[in-house]
Amino acid sequence: MGTKDSKAKEYLSDNTRFSEICNYVLFDGEKVIKPENLKECDTTEVLSVFGIDRKQIVKQKWRDLLKGVSVKYTESVYIVLMGIEAQTDVHYSMPVKTMIYDAMNYGEQVNEAKKQHQKNKDYKSSDEFLSGFTLEDRLTPVITITLYLGTKNWDGPRSLVEMMPHMDERFWPFINDYRINLLNPLEITDFSKFKTGLRPLFEVLKNASDEGKLNDLITKDETFTRVDVETIAAINLFVGTDIKYDEKEEVVNMCKAWDDHKKLGIQEGMKQGIQQGMQQGRCLEVYSLVQDGILDPEVGASRVSMSLDDFADAMQKAGYKLPEMV
């Protein structure tokens, strides 16, 4: 797992952020899923099946995040499994990846039910015995959200059907589609539904490609006057900024930190420009000495750390001539 992926997993594992993502995607921001009702689940998806030779085949995959949530509905409480897959880049087979994760989870649920029935010996019919699953058994729903943390537009497929070629339309009613639940900050129009550090993170991701908009956002939006340090670290990682902050602080005024970041960038640019200017001036001085025959070309090339061929080309491009060409 790469640095970005592991850091994304760490950042999103916080129950408050996790629940906010789920509530935005499923309930348009309504606080149905509570942070305190989330329970960490094993992210390993394992499915055991038997091949035609009766040998056991074990498939194993690892999700980013999976949590169980207790939800109350019409006086009943039920469990839903919520998964989040963080993508820092566009994944062109995401529908298949998600479908495999979910299918493996359902398959393992059936296997677990079968084990319990075999242990309890409570099958009521041969059909139940062969199925390993009874008429009264119920699966726990699995919902996977794909969270895109990139700065370019998501141009990948959002459903299984989109990955298939054009064909006779009479096939389509018989092909089971599988769509991804994509949360793409670049497509969000109302960020007020986010109350955690996800809001500044998502807003910066959306405006990262427009320096003017990004500057206006950070310096004028009050949201950025108090940003938790974990979110600033996430912004630096996913957007590529280098905003300085004190890790001992819990929250930071990002407006000021951004201003300091810009000033530092200007200073570094000026310093680099001065260094480049000094180097260029040094080269021109050496070119002149070589052209006048005061320095041998080999010595001149050595003084500016160039090969003789590169030095000769650079001299000619700068309008100077080697002594033998004068």
Protein backbone atom coordinates (compact mmCIF):
# COMPACT_ATOMS: atom_id res chain seq x y z
CA MET A 1 0.00 0.00 0.00
CA GLY A 2 1.42 3.40 -1.01
CA THR A 3 1.89 6.38 1.31
CA LYS A 4 -1.18 8.21 0.00
CA ASP A 5 -3.40 5.15 0.32
CA SER A 6 -2.26 4.31 3.85
CA LYS A 7 -2.60 7.95 4.99
CA ALA A 8 -6.07 8.18 3.42
CA LYS A 9 -7.12 5.05 5.29
CA GLU A 10 -5.76 6.48 8.56
CA TYR A 11 -7.52 9.83 8.06
CA LEU A 12 -10.88 8.33 7.09
CA SER A 13 -10.91 5.72 9.86
CA ASP A 14 -12.07 8.41 12.30
CA ASN A 15 -15.72 7.57 13.07
CA THR A 16 -16.92 11.17 12.80
CA ARG A 17 -15.46 11.62 9.32
CA PHE A 18 -16.53 8.12 8.30
CA SER A 19 -20.15 8.69 9.34
CA GLU A 20 -20.23 12.10 7.64
CA ILE A 21 -19.22 10.54 4.33
CA CYS A 22 -21.86 7.82 4.67
CA ASN A 23 -24.59 10.31 5.62
CA TYR A 24 -23.74 12.58 2.68
CA VAL A 25 -23.85 9.78 0.12
CA LEU A 26 -26.85 7.90 1.53
CA PHE A 27 -28.99 10.58 3.18
CA ASP A 28 -27.94 13.88 1.59
CA GLY A 29 -26.18 14.93 4.77
CA GLU A 30 -28.89 14.00 7.28
CA LYS A 31 -27.29 12.58 10.44
CA VAL A 32 -28.79 9.10 10.31
CA ILE A 33 -25.57 7.20 10.98
CA LYS A 34 -24.04 8.21 14.32
CA PRO A 35 -20.28 7.96 15.00
CA GLU A 36 -20.93 6.15 18.28
CA ASN A 37 -22.93 3.47 16.44
CA LEU A 38 -20.04 2.46 14.21
CA LYS A 39 -18.02 -0.65 14.93
CA GLU A 40 -14.73 -1.57 13.29
CA CYS A 41 -14.87 -4.71 11.12
CA ASP A 42 -12.19 -6.94 9.68
CA THR A 43 -11.28 -5.51 6.26
CA THR A 44 -10.14 -8.89 4.99
CA GLU A 45 -12.64 -10.39 2.57
CA VAL A 46 -12.23 -14.16 2.38
CA LEU A 47 -14.31 -16.54 0.31
CA SER A 48 -13.89 -20.31 0.35
CA VAL A 49 -15.39 -22.33 -2.49
CA PHE A 50 -14.92 -25.85 -3.81
CA GLY A 51 -13.75 -26.47 -7.35
CA ILE A 52 -14.97 -29.24 -9.64
CA ASP A 53 -12.32 -31.55 -8.15
CA ARG A 54 -13.74 -30.82 -4.65
CA LYS A 55 -10.53 -29.04 -3.66
CA GLN A 56 -11.07 -25.96 -1.55
CA ILE A 57 -10.24 -22.65 -3.23
CA VAL A 58 -9.68 -19.66 -0.97
CA LYS A 59 -9.84 -16.11 -2.32
CA GLN A 60 -8.69 -13.21 -0.18
CA LYS A 61 -8.89 -9.43 -0.67
CA TRP A 62 -8.25 -6.48 1.62
CA ARG A 63 -10.58 -3.50 1.75
CA ASP A 64 -9.54 -0.02 2.89
CA LEU A 65 -12.22 0.43 5.54
CA LEU A 66 -15.25 -1.56 6.69
CA LYS A 67 -17.48 -0.70 9.64
CA GLY A 68 -20.74 -2.10 10.95
CA VAL A 69 -23.45 0.39 11.84
CA SER A 70 -26.56 -0.09 13.97
CA VAL A 71 -29.56 1.71 12.49
CA LYS A 72 -32.99 2.08 14.05
CA TYR A 73 -35.99 1.93 11.73
CA THR A 74 -39.69 1.47 12.62
CA GLU A 75 -38.89 0.33 16.16
CA SER A 76 -36.38 -2.21 14.88
CA VAL A 77 -32.59 -2.11 14.90
CA TYR A 78 -30.63 -3.64 12.06
CA ILE A 79 -27.00 -3.80 10.98
CA VAL A 80 -25.52 -2.50 7.73
CA LEU A 81 -21.90 -2.95 6.70
CA MET A 82 -20.38 0.26 5.30
CA GLY A 83 -17.15 0.19 3.33
CA ILE A 84 -15.09 3.08 2.00
CA GLU A 85 -12.51 2.66 -0.75
CA ALA A 86 -10.24 5.71 -1.07
CA GLN A 87 -8.88 6.35 -4.55
CA THR A 88 -6.17 8.96 -5.06
CA ASP A 89 -6.15 8.15 -8.78
CA VAL A 90 -8.86 7.20 -11.26
CA HIS A 91 -9.44 3.42 -11.23
CA TYR A 92 -10.76 2.23 -14.59
CA SER A 93 -12.06 -1.09 -13.27
CA MET A 94 -13.59 0.23 -10.04
CA PRO A 95 -17.04 -1.33 -10.66
CA VAL A 96 -15.45 -4.79 -10.85
CA LYS A 97 -13.22 -4.15 -7.83
CA THR A 98 -16.20 -3.05 -5.74
CA MET A 99 -18.39 -5.88 -6.95
CA ILE A 100 -15.75 -8.45 -5.97
CA TYR A 101 -15.41 -7.00 -2.45
CA ASP A 102 -19.16 -7.00 -1.89
CA ALA A 103 -19.73 -10.43 -3.44
CA MET A 104 -16.97 -11.98 -1.33
CA ASN A 105 -18.55 -10.55 1.80
CA TYR A 106 -21.97 -11.96 0.91
CA GLY A 107 -20.39 -15.30 0.04
CA GLU A 108 -18.66 -15.46 3.40
CA GLN A 109 -21.92 -14.59 5.16
CA VAL A 110 -23.55 -17.59 3.48
CA ASN A 111 -20.61 -19.78 4.49
CA GLU A 112 -20.88 -18.64 8.11
CA ALA A 113 -24.61 -19.37 8.12
CA LYS A 114 -23.89 -22.84 6.75
CA LYS A 115 -21.36 -23.50 9.52
CA GLN A 116 -23.87 -22.50 12.18
CA HIS A 117 -26.62 -24.68 10.73
CA GLN A 118 -24.27 -27.65 10.48
CA LYS A 119 -23.24 -27.11 14.09
CA ASN A 120 -26.82 -26.76 15.31
CA LYS A 121 -28.19 -29.42 12.94
CA ASP A 122 -31.32 -27.35 12.42
CA TYR A 123 -31.96 -27.77 8.69
CA LYS A 124 -35.67 -28.31 8.02
CA SER A 125 -35.40 -29.69 4.51
CA SER A 126 -32.99 -31.14 1.99
CA ASP A 127 -33.18 -27.87 0.04
CA GLU A 128 -31.91 -25.96 3.05
CA PHE A 129 -29.20 -28.55 3.59
CA LEU A 130 -27.98 -28.28 -0.01
CA SER A 131 -28.17 -24.48 0.06
CA GLY A 132 -26.48 -24.08 3.41
CA PHE A 133 -28.94 -21.22 3.85
CA THR A 134 -32.51 -21.34 5.11
CA LEU A 135 -35.60 -19.50 3.97
CA GLU A 136 -35.53 -17.43 7.16
CA ASP A 137 -31.84 -16.50 6.96
CA ARG A 138 -31.01 -12.92 6.02
CA LEU A 139 -27.86 -11.33 4.67
CA THR A 140 -26.36 -8.21 6.21
CA PRO A 141 -26.39 -5.47 3.53
CA VAL A 142 -22.99 -4.28 2.30
CA ILE A 143 -22.65 -0.77 0.88
CA THR A 144 -19.31 0.38 -0.52
CA ILE A 145 -18.53 4.04 -1.16
CA THR A 146 -15.71 5.02 -3.51
CA LEU A 147 -14.13 8.25 -2.26
CA TYR A 148 -12.07 9.98 -4.93
CA LEU A 149 -9.23 12.12 -3.56
CA GLY A 150 -7.67 13.20 -6.84
CA THR A 151 -7.52 16.65 -8.42
CA LYS A 152 -8.37 15.77 -12.03
CA ASN A 153 -11.82 14.83 -13.30
CA TRP A 154 -12.97 11.25 -12.75
CA ASP A 155 -13.33 9.89 -16.28
CA GLY A 156 -13.54 6.23 -15.31
CA PRO A 157 -16.64 4.01 -15.53
CA ARG A 158 -19.24 4.25 -12.78
CA SER A 159 -21.01 1.00 -13.57
CA LEU A 160 -20.22 -2.47 -14.87
CA VAL A 161 -22.20 -1.88 -18.06
CA GLU A 162 -20.01 1.11 -18.94
CA MET A 163 -17.05 -1.29 -19.12
CA MET A 164 -18.74 -3.40 -21.80
CA PRO A 165 -18.74 -2.92 -25.59
CA HIS A 166 -21.67 -1.73 -27.68
CA MET A 167 -23.83 -4.71 -28.50
CA ASP A 168 -27.28 -5.87 -29.46
CA GLU A 169 -29.55 -3.99 -27.03
CA ARG A 170 -31.64 -7.13 -26.51
CA PHE A 171 -28.84 -8.44 -24.28
CA TRP A 172 -28.99 -5.56 -21.81
CA PRO A 173 -32.10 -6.59 -19.83
CA PHE A 174 -30.34 -9.85 -18.93
CA ILE A 175 -27.01 -8.34 -17.85
CA ASN A 176 -26.84 -7.53 -14.16
CA ASP A 177 -25.27 -4.12 -13.74
CA TYR A 178 -23.18 -3.05 -10.76
CA ARG A 179 -22.63 0.64 -10.12
CA ILE A 180 -20.21 2.34 -7.78
CA ASN A 181 -21.30 4.85 -5.15
CA LEU A 182 -18.82 7.55 -6.11
CA LEU A 183 -18.16 10.55 -3.87
CA ASN A 184 -16.15 12.99 -5.97
CA PRO A 185 -15.37 16.35 -4.29
CA LEU A 186 -14.92 17.93 -7.72
CA GLU A 187 -18.66 17.38 -8.32
CA ILE A 188 -19.93 18.69 -4.96
CA THR A 189 -21.91 21.94 -5.18
CA ASP A 190 -22.91 22.40 -1.52
CA PHE A 191 -20.10 21.89 0.99
CA SER A 192 -22.15 23.18 3.93
CA LYS A 193 -23.39 19.62 4.56
CA PHE A 194 -19.91 18.75 5.83
CA LYS A 195 -19.10 19.88 9.38
CA THR A 196 -15.74 18.16 9.91
CA GLY A 197 -12.34 18.72 8.32
CA LEU A 198 -13.71 16.99 5.23
CA ARG A 199 -15.18 20.32 4.13
CA PRO A 200 -11.88 22.22 3.76
CA LEU A 201 -10.21 19.12 2.31
CA PHE A 202 -12.90 18.62 -0.32
CA GLU A 203 -13.09 22.33 -1.18
CA VAL A 204 -9.33 22.53 -1.69
CA LEU A 205 -9.40 19.40 -3.87
CA LYS A 206 -12.11 20.94 -6.03
CA ASN A 207 -10.21 24.20 -6.54
CA ALA A 208 -6.66 22.85 -6.60
CA SER A 209 -6.24 23.35 -10.35
CA ASP A 210 -7.22 27.05 -10.22
CA GLU A 211 -4.69 29.02 -8.18
CA GLY A 212 -6.84 32.16 -8.11
CA LYS A 213 -9.95 30.38 -6.85
CA LEU A 214 -7.91 28.41 -4.35
CA ASN A 215 -6.35 31.56 -2.93
CA ASP A 216 -9.73 33.32 -2.64
CA LEU A 217 -11.25 30.25 -0.99
CA ILE A 218 -8.60 29.89 1.69
CA THR A 219 -8.19 33.59 2.47
CA LYS A 220 -11.89 34.58 2.46
CA ASP A 221 -13.82 31.55 3.72
CA GLU A 222 -14.12 31.48 7.53
CA THR A 223 -14.07 27.68 7.40
CA PHE A 224 -10.30 27.93 6.99
CA THR A 225 -9.71 29.97 10.16
CA ARG A 226 -9.89 26.77 12.23
CA VAL A 227 -8.69 23.59 10.53
CA ASP A 228 -7.51 20.52 12.42
CA VAL A 229 -3.89 19.55 11.82
CA GLU A 230 -4.85 16.09 10.51
CA THR A 231 -6.81 17.76 7.72
CA ILE A 232 -3.95 20.12 6.87
CA ALA A 233 -1.65 17.10 6.65
CA ALA A 234 -4.20 15.46 4.34
CA ILE A 235 -4.39 18.59 2.17
CA ASN A 236 -0.59 18.68 1.88
CA LEU A 237 -0.55 15.02 0.88
CA PHE A 238 -3.41 14.89 -1.61
CA VAL A 239 -3.07 18.37 -3.14
CA GLY A 240 0.72 18.62 -3.04
CA THR A 241 0.95 21.80 -0.96
CA ASP A 242 3.53 22.36 1.76
CA ILE A 243 1.61 24.32 4.37
CA LYS A 244 3.62 24.59 7.58
CA TYR A 245 1.94 23.99 10.93
CA ASP A 246 2.79 23.14 14.51
CA GLU A 247 2.00 19.47 15.10
CA LYS A 248 1.49 20.23 18.79
CA GLU A 249 -1.55 22.35 17.96
CA GLU A 250 -4.96 20.75 17.45
CA VAL A 251 -6.31 23.42 15.10
CA VAL A 252 -4.58 25.95 12.87
CA ASN A 253 -5.59 29.21 11.21
CA MET A 254 -5.06 28.00 7.67
CA CYS A 255 -5.56 31.50 6.25
CA LYS A 256 -2.39 32.67 8.00
CA ALA A 257 -0.56 29.42 7.29
CA TRP A 258 -1.48 29.78 3.61
CA ASP A 259 -0.20 33.37 3.56
CA ASP A 260 3.08 32.22 5.11
CA HIS A 261 3.19 29.38 2.56
CA LYS A 262 2.86 31.86 -0.33
CA LYS A 263 5.49 34.21 1.11
CA LEU A 264 7.90 31.32 1.54
CA GLY A 265 7.22 30.30 -2.05
CA ILE A 266 8.00 33.81 -3.28
CA GLN A 267 11.19 33.94 -1.23
CA GLU A 268 12.30 30.56 -2.54
CA GLY A 269 11.48 31.67 -6.08
CA MET A 270 13.51 34.86 -5.67
CA LYS A 271 16.40 32.91 -4.16
CA GLN A 272 16.31 30.42 -7.01
CA GLY A 273 16.09 33.24 -9.54
CA ILE A 274 19.11 34.99 -8.01
CA GLN A 275 21.09 31.76 -8.07
CA GLN A 276 20.12 31.12 -11.68
CA GLY A 277 21.03 34.70 -12.56
CA MET A 278 24.42 34.38 -10.90
CA GLN A 279 25.07 31.11 -12.70
CA GLN A 280 24.05 32.62 -16.03
CA GLY A 281 26.30 35.63 -15.42
CA ARG A 282 29.18 33.32 -14.55
CA CYS A 283 28.66 31.38 -17.79
CA LEU A 284 28.62 34.54 -19.91
CA GLU A 285 31.86 35.67 -18.29
CA VAL A 286 33.53 32.35 -19.12
CA TYR A 287 32.14 32.39 -22.70
CA SER A 288 33.74 35.81 -23.22
CA LEU A 289 37.11 34.67 -21.86
CA VAL A 290 37.11 31.60 -24.13
CA GLN A 291 36.05 33.59 -27.19
CA ASP A 292 38.90 36.07 -26.55
CA GLY A 293 41.38 33.21 -26.28
CA ILE A 294 42.16 33.90 -22.63
CA LEU A 295 40.83 30.50 -21.55
CA ASP A 296 41.03 27.20 -23.37
CA PRO A 297 37.57 25.72 -24.20
CA GLU A 298 38.35 22.70 -22.01
CA VAL A 299 39.12 24.92 -19.01
CA GLY A 300 36.01 27.03 -19.63
CA ALA A 301 33.80 23.94 -19.80
CA SER A 302 35.27 22.67 -16.54
CA ARG A 303 34.63 25.99 -14.76
CA VAL A 304 30.90 25.85 -15.50
CA SER A 305 30.66 22.08 -14.98
CA MET A 306 29.78 21.17 -18.57
CA SER A 307 31.07 18.68 -21.08
CA LEU A 308 33.04 20.24 -23.93
CA ASP A 309 30.28 19.54 -26.47
CA ASP A 310 27.56 21.01 -24.24
CA PHE A 311 29.79 24.00 -23.51
CA ALA A 312 30.33 24.66 -27.22
CA ASP A 313 26.59 24.42 -27.92
CA ALA A 314 25.78 26.73 -25.01
CA MET A 315 28.33 29.30 -26.21
CA GLN A 316 26.88 29.33 -29.70
CA LYS A 317 23.30 29.65 -28.42
CA ALA A 318 24.41 32.60 -26.27
CA GLY A 319 25.93 34.31 -29.35
CA TYR A 320 29.60 33.53 -28.64
CA LYS A 321 32.10 31.74 -30.85
CA LEU A 322 34.93 29.35 -30.09
CA PRO A 323 38.38 30.80 -30.94
CA GLU A 324 38.84 28.65 -34.03
CA MET A 325 35.50 29.95 -35.36
CA VAL A 326 36.34 33.68 -34.89
